[in-house]
Structure formats: structure tokens, C-alpha cells
Amino acid sequence: MIANIIIDTIEGSEPIISLPLSAIVTGSDNLKYVYVIKNVENNVGIAQKQKVEISSSPASDGVIILNGLSKGDLVITKGSNGVKENQKVSLIKGEI
């Protein structure tokens, strides 16, 4: 499953990005990562590992991302532990 990062804010508030815990991968360096899909063509893209900083306070439905993602990023949210760097991935219609 893939999440498309959309940031909506109330005037004067900071944007919040929340992802399910299943999107977070802990690297051998103990840092936190997600897989962002780049170079999408014909619903096929390349998974690239992106370092993220997460909040120590959990969100009601996952974790809050403090740094590392931008509006419009496509993030793998399910099965990310089985993904490898630079692996080709298919986007399934209806999951974005």
C-alpha cells in the first residue's frame, strides 16, 4: 500500500505528517527510514530509502514524521520490510 503525502494546515499551525507504523523501517544504523517511490512511469517506480525523524509521541493511527518527507512524496506503507533499495515497485490503482 502507498500513501501520497498531502499537507493541509489550519492557518497558523504547523503541518503534521502521520504514517502507519508499518511504513517505518529501522536500519542497521538504528535510524528510521521509509521507502519513497521515485521516477513513476506507467504505474511503476523505484523504491528509495529515505531517512526520517519520528516523534517520540505516537499518533492515534501511527507515528508523526518530524523531518524527511515532503508534500507529494509517495511512501510505501505496507510491506516495507520486504522492500530493497532501488527495487522496482508497481502502484496498484486505488491504493494511492
C-alpha atoms as a PDB file:
ATOM      1  CA  MET A   1       0.000   0.000   0.000  1.00  0.00           C
ATOM      2  CA  ILE A   2       1.176   3.520  -0.760  1.00  0.00           C
ATOM      3  CA  ALA A   3       0.458   6.867   0.861  1.00  0.00           C
ATOM      4  CA  ASN A   4       0.598  10.124  -1.074  1.00  0.00           C
ATOM      5  CA  ILE A   5       1.755  12.867   1.302  1.00  0.00           C
ATOM      6  CA  ILE A   6      -0.749  15.721   1.339  1.00  0.00           C
ATOM      7  CA  ILE A   7      -0.222  18.504   3.850  1.00  0.00           C
ATOM      8  CA  ASP A   8      -3.234  20.536   4.926  1.00  0.00           C
ATOM      9  CA  THR A   9      -2.890  23.031   7.718  1.00  0.00           C
ATOM     10  CA  ILE A  10      -5.022  25.368   9.718  1.00  0.00           C
ATOM     11  CA  GLU A  11      -3.732  28.919   9.412  1.00  0.00           C
ATOM     12  CA  GLY A  12      -1.007  29.478  11.999  1.00  0.00           C
ATOM     13  CA  SER A  13      -0.472  25.790  12.751  1.00  0.00           C
ATOM     14  CA  GLU A  14       2.417  23.542  11.810  1.00  0.00           C
ATOM     15  CA  PRO A  15       1.781  20.804   9.205  1.00  0.00           C
ATOM     16  CA  ILE A  16       1.663  17.254  10.563  1.00  0.00           C
ATOM     17  CA  ILE A  17       2.565  14.130   8.597  1.00  0.00           C
ATOM     18  CA  SER A  18       1.356  10.874  10.126  1.00  0.00           C
ATOM     19  CA  LEU A  19       2.128   7.401   8.765  1.00  0.00           C
ATOM     20  CA  PRO A  20       1.219   3.914   9.965  1.00  0.00           C
ATOM     21  CA  LEU A  21       3.944   2.204  11.976  1.00  0.00           C
ATOM     22  CA  SER A  22       4.179  -0.427   9.214  1.00  0.00           C
ATOM     23  CA  ALA A  23       5.757   2.219   6.928  1.00  0.00           C
ATOM     24  CA  ILE A  24       8.766   2.691   9.242  1.00  0.00           C
ATOM     25  CA  VAL A  25      11.902   0.586   8.759  1.00  0.00           C
ATOM     26  CA  THR A  26      14.742   0.590  11.297  1.00  0.00           C
ATOM     27  CA  GLY A  27      18.118   0.413   9.583  1.00  0.00           C
ATOM     28  CA  SER A  28      21.223  -1.427  10.775  1.00  0.00           C
ATOM     29  CA  ASP A  29      22.426   2.000  11.944  1.00  0.00           C
ATOM     30  CA  ASN A  30      19.338   2.187  14.221  1.00  0.00           C
ATOM     31  CA  LEU A  31      17.975   5.157  12.267  1.00  0.00           C
ATOM     32  CA  LYS A  32      14.393   5.266  10.978  1.00  0.00           C
ATOM     33  CA  TYR A  33      13.589   5.098   7.269  1.00  0.00           C
ATOM     34  CA  VAL A  34      10.644   4.881   4.886  1.00  0.00           C
ATOM     35  CA  TYR A  35      10.638   3.855   1.244  1.00  0.00           C
ATOM     36  CA  VAL A  36       9.666   6.681  -1.103  1.00  0.00           C
ATOM     37  CA  ILE A  37       8.727   5.823  -4.672  1.00  0.00           C
ATOM     38  CA  LYS A  38      10.559   7.888  -7.290  1.00  0.00           C
ATOM     39  CA  ASN A  39      10.545   8.079 -11.102  1.00  0.00           C
ATOM     40  CA  VAL A  40       6.991   6.782 -11.514  1.00  0.00           C
ATOM     41  CA  GLU A  41       6.097   5.922 -15.121  1.00  0.00           C
ATOM     42  CA  ASN A  42       3.139   3.795 -16.180  1.00  0.00           C
ATOM     43  CA  ASN A  43       2.412   2.954 -12.514  1.00  0.00           C
ATOM     44  CA  VAL A  44       5.940   1.569 -11.958  1.00  0.00           C
ATOM     45  CA  GLY A  45       8.553   3.337  -9.852  1.00  0.00           C
ATOM     46  CA  ILE A  46      11.783   2.838  -7.932  1.00  0.00           C
ATOM     47  CA  ALA A  47      11.789   2.426  -4.132  1.00  0.00           C
ATOM     48  CA  GLN A  48      14.381   4.634  -2.457  1.00  0.00           C
ATOM     49  CA  LYS A  49      15.154   4.580   1.237  1.00  0.00           C
ATOM     50  CA  GLN A  50      14.550   7.959   2.878  1.00  0.00           C
ATOM     51  CA  LYS A  51      15.761   8.785   6.387  1.00  0.00           C
ATOM     52  CA  VAL A  52      13.023  10.252   8.581  1.00  0.00           C
ATOM     53  CA  GLU A  53      12.828  11.670  12.068  1.00  0.00           C
ATOM     54  CA  ILE A  54       9.809  10.487  14.030  1.00  0.00           C
ATOM     55  CA  SER A  55       8.179  11.954  17.118  1.00  0.00           C
ATOM     56  CA  SER A  56       8.555  10.132  20.416  1.00  0.00           C
ATOM     57  CA  SER A  57       4.830  10.792  20.975  1.00  0.00           C
ATOM     58  CA  PRO A  58       2.711   8.320  18.991  1.00  0.00           C
ATOM     59  CA  ALA A  59      -0.146   9.483  16.769  1.00  0.00           C
ATOM     60  CA  SER A  60      -3.557   7.881  17.177  1.00  0.00           C
ATOM     61  CA  ASP A  61      -3.069   5.894  13.969  1.00  0.00           C
ATOM     62  CA  GLY A  62       0.719   5.560  13.700  1.00  0.00           C
ATOM     63  CA  VAL A  63       3.727   7.839  14.026  1.00  0.00           C
ATOM     64  CA  ILE A  64       4.281  11.524  13.398  1.00  0.00           C
ATOM     65  CA  ILE A  65       7.048  12.366  10.922  1.00  0.00           C
ATOM     66  CA  LEU A  66       9.026  15.419  12.006  1.00  0.00           C
ATOM     67  CA  ASN A  67      11.543  15.551   9.113  1.00  0.00           C
ATOM     68  CA  GLY A  68      12.420  13.746   5.916  1.00  0.00           C
ATOM     69  CA  LEU A  69       9.241  13.848   3.820  1.00  0.00           C
ATOM     70  CA  SER A  70       7.713  16.456   1.540  1.00  0.00           C
ATOM     71  CA  LYS A  71       4.309  17.169   0.080  1.00  0.00           C
ATOM     72  CA  GLY A  72       3.615  14.805  -2.810  1.00  0.00           C
ATOM     73  CA  ASP A  73       6.018  12.039  -1.713  1.00  0.00           C
ATOM     74  CA  LEU A  74       4.711   8.534  -2.372  1.00  0.00           C
ATOM     75  CA  VAL A  75       5.501   6.329   0.641  1.00  0.00           C
ATOM     76  CA  ILE A  76       5.173   2.546   0.879  1.00  0.00           C
ATOM     77  CA  THR A  77       3.012   1.949   3.938  1.00  0.00           C
ATOM     78  CA  LYS A  78       2.554  -1.829   3.899  1.00  0.00           C
ATOM     79  CA  GLY A  79       5.173  -4.500   3.319  1.00  0.00           C
ATOM     80  CA  SER A  80       8.062  -2.048   3.546  1.00  0.00           C
ATOM     81  CA  ASN A  81      10.229  -4.547   5.457  1.00  0.00           C
ATOM     82  CA  GLY A  82      10.351  -6.692   2.316  1.00  0.00           C
ATOM     83  CA  VAL A  83      11.418  -3.856   0.009  1.00  0.00           C
ATOM     84  CA  LYS A  84      15.018  -3.348  -1.112  1.00  0.00           C
ATOM     85  CA  GLU A  85      16.759  -0.115  -2.123  1.00  0.00           C
ATOM     86  CA  ASN A  86      16.262   0.697  -5.851  1.00  0.00           C
ATOM     87  CA  GLN A  87      13.728  -2.126  -6.270  1.00  0.00           C
ATOM     88  CA  LYS A  88      11.099  -1.646  -8.958  1.00  0.00           C
ATOM     89  CA  VAL A  89       7.607  -1.423  -7.468  1.00  0.00           C
ATOM     90  CA  SER A  90       4.186  -1.316  -9.072  1.00  0.00           C
ATOM     91  CA  LEU A  91       1.498   1.107  -7.998  1.00  0.00           C
ATOM     92  CA  ILE A  92      -1.841  -0.629  -7.799  1.00  0.00           C
ATOM     93  CA  LYS A  93      -4.785   1.504  -8.868  1.00  0.00           C
ATOM     94  CA  GLY A  94      -6.885   2.561  -5.903  1.00  0.00           C
ATOM     95  CA  GLU A  95      -4.082   2.350  -3.349  1.00  0.00           C
ATOM     96  CA  ILE A  96      -2.761   5.879  -3.718  1.00  0.00           C
END
